[in-house]
Amino acid sequence: MLKINSIPRQLRSTAGAEIAEAALVLPLVFTLLFGIIWFGRAFNIYSTIQQAAQQGAITAARATCATCVTSNTFPSSTTVDDAVYAVMNASHLDITKIKLPTSPPNCAPGQPCSACPSPPFPPPAASACSSSTANIYVCQNVQLNPAATPVQCGTVVSFQYPFQFNLPGTSLDMRQIILSAQAQSRMEN
């Protein structure tokens, strides 16, 4: 038979064990929760900069006046930058953090896309990979599929964006990673 005086003593001993278990488990649970939040934010930023690069490539590949035969031109790098900025500003990303990649990817300067079928307007004169003052590579009139037929010409837009984790107590605390964005779009005729 259980004595009435022993019940409070048993409750006190289990309460201490529960507090000790909670003290061990809660930091792990919070670290896991913060990790999920920070990796979700990194993925959100990555998808946003990919979308921005895609909009920039689409803008660079489309002529300013598709129905004009004589005075048709392709957008300048400033116009492409504005298309990238619009997407990034919509997600409240700091456009001043955009970084130039170490090399212009998928842009072969010696490979102008002269084999492309001529649209009703002249394409850009030569393969041009330029970096704007906004640290964005814009490569126009490049061959997108070097070993395939039919040849496809288009534009490639590329840039990088830094992201800094904030996970206290882990090896990722205050670690900065560089997210790369690159997109291509073919020129339409």
Protein backbone atom coordinates (compact mmCIF):
# COMPACT_ATOMS: atom_id res chain seq x y z
CA MET A 1 0.00 0.00 0.00
CA LEU A 2 1.26 3.45 -0.95
CA LYS A 3 1.59 5.99 1.80
CA ILE A 4 0.21 9.46 1.27
CA ASN A 5 3.48 11.07 2.34
CA SER A 6 5.46 9.23 -0.41
CA ILE A 7 3.33 10.58 -3.31
CA PRO A 8 4.71 14.18 -3.15
CA ARG A 9 8.24 12.80 -2.88
CA GLN A 10 7.72 10.72 -6.07
CA LEU A 11 6.21 13.69 -7.92
CA ARG A 12 9.18 15.87 -7.01
CA SER A 13 11.67 13.30 -8.31
CA THR A 14 9.93 12.93 -11.72
CA ALA A 15 9.54 16.68 -12.11
CA GLY A 16 13.28 17.09 -11.78
CA ALA A 17 13.86 14.46 -14.47
CA GLU A 18 11.42 16.17 -16.84
CA ILE A 19 13.13 19.51 -16.38
CA ALA A 20 16.52 17.92 -17.07
CA GLU A 21 15.14 16.23 -20.20
CA ALA A 22 13.64 19.49 -21.40
CA ALA A 23 16.94 21.30 -20.78
CA LEU A 24 18.68 18.76 -23.03
CA VAL A 25 16.07 18.52 -25.78
CA LEU A 26 14.82 22.11 -26.21
CA PRO A 27 18.12 23.58 -27.49
CA LEU A 28 18.26 20.84 -30.12
CA VAL A 29 14.66 21.46 -31.14
CA PHE A 30 15.24 25.24 -31.42
CA THR A 31 18.44 24.72 -33.43
CA LEU A 32 16.56 22.42 -35.79
CA LEU A 33 13.71 24.93 -36.09
CA PHE A 34 16.07 27.85 -36.80
CA GLY A 35 17.93 25.68 -39.32
CA ILE A 36 14.70 25.02 -41.18
CA ILE A 37 13.89 28.74 -41.21
CA TRP A 38 17.36 29.80 -42.43
CA PHE A 39 17.62 27.12 -45.11
CA GLY A 40 14.11 28.06 -46.24
CA ARG A 41 15.21 31.69 -46.53
CA ALA A 42 18.30 30.67 -48.50
CA PHE A 43 16.12 28.66 -50.89
CA ASN A 44 13.72 31.59 -51.24
CA ILE A 45 16.56 33.95 -52.13
CA TYR A 46 18.01 31.40 -54.57
CA SER A 47 14.70 30.98 -56.39
CA THR A 48 14.23 34.77 -56.50
CA ILE A 49 17.62 35.45 -58.05
CA GLN A 50 17.06 32.63 -60.57
CA GLN A 51 13.77 34.26 -61.56
CA ALA A 52 15.52 37.64 -61.81
CA ALA A 53 18.20 36.17 -64.10
CA GLN A 54 15.49 34.56 -66.24
CA GLN A 55 13.63 37.85 -66.63
CA GLY A 56 16.90 39.55 -67.53
CA ALA A 57 17.66 36.92 -70.18
CA ILE A 58 14.18 37.19 -71.65
CA THR A 59 14.49 40.97 -71.79
CA ALA A 60 17.93 40.78 -73.45
CA ALA A 61 16.75 38.28 -76.07
CA ARG A 62 13.70 40.20 -77.22
CA ALA A 63 14.04 43.00 -79.72
CA THR A 64 12.66 46.39 -78.76
CA CYS A 65 10.30 46.41 -81.72
CA ALA A 66 9.55 43.02 -83.21
CA THR A 67 7.44 44.44 -86.03
CA CYS A 68 9.96 47.10 -87.06
CA VAL A 69 12.13 46.03 -89.98
CA THR A 70 14.65 48.84 -90.16
CA SER A 71 15.08 50.45 -86.75
CA ASN A 72 14.95 47.34 -84.58
CA THR A 73 17.53 47.05 -81.79
CA PHE A 74 18.16 44.81 -78.83
CA PRO A 75 17.95 46.16 -75.28
CA SER A 76 20.98 47.67 -73.61
CA SER A 77 22.52 46.23 -70.48
CA THR A 78 20.81 48.98 -68.46
CA THR A 79 17.42 47.71 -69.61
CA VAL A 80 18.42 44.16 -68.64
CA ASP A 81 19.61 45.42 -65.24
CA ASP A 82 16.24 47.09 -64.69
CA ALA A 83 14.44 43.80 -65.42
CA VAL A 84 16.64 42.01 -62.85
CA TYR A 85 16.11 44.80 -60.31
CA ALA A 86 12.33 44.65 -60.69
CA VAL A 87 12.19 41.01 -59.63
CA MET A 88 14.66 41.47 -56.77
CA ASN A 89 12.93 44.60 -55.47
CA ALA A 90 9.60 42.74 -55.46
CA SER A 91 11.13 40.29 -52.96
CA HIS A 92 12.84 43.04 -50.96
CA LEU A 93 16.38 41.88 -51.81
CA ASP A 94 19.21 44.40 -51.65
CA ILE A 95 20.33 44.98 -55.25
CA THR A 96 23.59 46.56 -54.10
CA LYS A 97 24.78 43.12 -52.93
CA ILE A 98 24.84 41.68 -56.47
CA LYS A 99 28.31 40.35 -57.32
CA LEU A 100 29.94 39.67 -60.65
CA PRO A 101 30.84 35.99 -61.24
CA THR A 102 34.52 35.19 -61.65
CA SER A 103 34.00 34.32 -65.33
CA PRO A 104 31.16 34.76 -67.79
CA PRO A 105 29.57 31.29 -67.87
CA ASN A 106 28.27 29.76 -71.11
CA CYS A 107 29.55 32.69 -73.12
CA ALA A 108 32.14 31.69 -75.66
CA PRO A 109 33.55 35.00 -76.94
CA GLY A 110 35.08 33.33 -80.01
CA GLN A 111 31.78 31.67 -80.90
CA PRO A 112 29.50 34.35 -82.31
CA CYS A 113 26.20 33.00 -83.37
CA SER A 114 26.59 33.74 -87.08
CA ALA A 115 24.98 30.44 -88.05
CA CYS A 116 21.64 31.53 -86.65
CA PRO A 117 18.76 31.95 -89.05
CA SER A 118 18.23 35.62 -89.71
CA PRO A 119 15.06 36.93 -88.17
CA PRO A 120 13.30 39.78 -89.92
CA PHE A 121 15.65 42.12 -88.05
CA PRO A 122 19.41 42.07 -87.55
CA PRO A 123 20.68 40.29 -84.43
CA PRO A 124 23.40 41.89 -82.32
CA ALA A 125 26.50 42.40 -84.45
CA ALA A 126 28.77 39.97 -82.61
CA SER A 127 28.87 37.77 -79.61
CA ALA A 128 29.15 40.21 -76.74
CA CYS A 129 29.60 39.36 -73.08
CA SER A 130 29.58 42.52 -71.08
CA SER A 131 29.34 43.27 -67.43
CA SER A 132 27.26 46.23 -66.50
CA THR A 133 27.92 48.62 -63.66
CA ALA A 134 25.38 46.51 -61.73
CA ASN A 135 27.74 43.47 -61.68
CA ILE A 136 25.57 41.42 -64.03
CA TYR A 137 27.00 39.55 -67.03
CA VAL A 138 24.85 39.91 -70.13
CA CYS A 139 25.98 37.77 -73.08
CA GLN A 140 24.08 38.45 -76.28
CA ASN A 141 24.11 36.59 -79.59
CA VAL A 142 25.73 33.44 -78.24
CA GLN A 143 25.11 29.90 -79.38
CA LEU A 144 23.09 28.16 -76.67
CA ASN A 145 23.51 24.59 -77.93
CA PRO A 146 27.08 24.24 -79.23
CA ALA A 147 26.87 20.63 -80.40
CA ALA A 148 23.27 20.39 -81.57
CA THR A 149 21.33 21.12 -84.69
CA PRO A 150 19.48 23.32 -85.40
CA VAL A 151 21.60 26.07 -83.95
CA GLN A 152 19.90 28.24 -81.35
CA CYS A 153 21.09 31.75 -80.58
CA GLY A 154 20.20 33.70 -77.52
CA THR A 155 21.34 35.50 -74.43
CA VAL A 156 22.78 34.43 -71.10
CA VAL A 157 22.47 36.49 -67.91
CA SER A 158 24.57 35.63 -64.88
CA PHE A 159 25.30 37.12 -61.44
CA GLN A 160 25.89 36.11 -57.82
CA TYR A 161 24.27 37.08 -54.54
CA PRO A 162 25.63 36.54 -50.99
CA PHE A 163 23.62 34.99 -48.16
CA GLN A 164 24.68 34.85 -44.52
CA PHE A 165 23.43 32.17 -42.16
CA ASN A 166 22.74 32.99 -38.51
CA LEU A 167 22.61 29.72 -36.60
CA PRO A 168 24.16 30.22 -33.15
CA GLY A 169 25.99 27.24 -31.72
CA THR A 170 26.58 25.58 -35.10
CA SER A 171 29.36 25.61 -37.67
CA LEU A 172 27.09 27.66 -39.95
CA ASP A 173 26.89 30.62 -37.57
CA MET A 174 27.65 33.82 -39.51
CA ARG A 175 28.90 31.78 -42.49
CA GLN A 176 28.42 33.48 -45.84
CA ILE A 177 27.63 31.50 -48.99
CA ILE A 178 27.48 32.83 -52.52
CA LEU A 179 24.37 31.91 -54.50
CA SER A 180 24.83 31.90 -58.29
CA ALA A 181 22.09 32.72 -60.77
CA GLN A 182 22.29 32.02 -64.47
CA ALA A 183 19.57 31.91 -67.10
CA GLN A 184 19.41 31.78 -70.86
CA SER A 185 16.76 32.65 -73.39
CA ARG A 186 16.76 32.11 -77.13
CA MET A 187 16.14 34.87 -79.61
CA GLU A 188 12.78 34.59 -81.26
CA ASN A 189 12.22 35.22 -84.93
